[in-house]
Amino acid sequence: MWWILMLSIVMQCVQSVRIIYMRVPEVVQYGTMDSVTLDCDYVTDNVMGLVVKWFYMDKSQLVYQWIPPQKPQALGILKDKLDLNYKLSHNPYAQHRALRIKNPTPELTGNYTCVVSTFLAEDQKTKPMTIFDEEWRCSGSKLTSHEPVCGNLARALRRPATARQTSEADLEKYLVEQSMEGADRAMAAEIPRAPRLEDWVKFKELTGIEIDIDFTERPKGADAAEVIDRLDRIEKETFERLSNKNLSTQAENSVSLTNTPQCTNGSVPFISDYDLWRGVQDLPPIYDTNTEIDSLFRDIAVTDPLDHLRHADLREE
């Protein structure tokens, strides 16, 4: 019977850590909040070896670690972006469980995983957070839009430091609307940080640009400036190619209209100034109408109006 008691004790220890609530803001508009809080509330019956960790995107990117009673640490993408003095609870084993991100930017969009563990137990939960820029949403430069190549995505990435501010009432109204499932899905589709393979296929068909992307691995150590410069070059090259294509089409249409011999269905053919001048040069010389009238009357013999009556009387006799 002793082994049953030991197994019961071990099972209680295994179940001694449990995350009961995780709060992560789903949608945040860039420039409207000084900070955001990501909370991970948990209960534990055993604090031996307690460690609270936060991961970004996947569990290979550790961004926060707290081992009571030591001070918390900010790592990776959140280094120098957290308020490490922030306390959400008076419990010494839960006071630093939350993340307080200062001045959140769109680059921090992604999935956040909270992991709470002891020597014998562990629990974790994951939730997404989207930080969007109003300029991205309205610029029409996203791959999911109908006009993916319009030359302003790179400019949006190089946005000024001061963002447009909105009133608290407008922000609250917007966040309430975004709480609906359909609105969240639409907003997620507008953020081009992790596009679907179908979006890139559509982008390639519309622009003819070949871009090799591994959708199974997130880029590591990429230089943001080089990425933006490359994107800027791609947009410029595509814009020039499409502009040249439009000019060629317009030139072909102009030539076809110039060579149209006659009007059809009441339409007026296009005639250039040069063709009009050549047509005038080919016209026959214009004669003096007064001279021609004089010649016409000289050729007409003067006759008596009663002569035809006399000729008729002679034929009757």
Foldseek 3Di string as FASTA:
>chain_A
DVVVVVVVVLVCQAPFKDFPDWDDQAEAEAQADQKDKTATDMGGPDLAAKKKWKAFQDPVRTAKIDRPPDFIAGDDPCHVFWDSPQFDDPPSSGGRNMTIGGRDDQVRWGKMKMWIDHPRYIDMDIDTHGYDYPCLQPVQCALPHPCVQDQCPLVVVVDDPRGDYDDPVVVVVVSVVCVDPVNSVVVVQSDRPQHDPVSVVVVCVVQVDDDDDDNVDDDPPDDPVVVSVVVNVSSVVSVVVVVVVVVVVVVVVLVVLCPDPDDDPPDDGDHDPVNVVVVVVPDDDDDDPVVVVVVVVVPDDDDDPCVVVVVVVVVVD
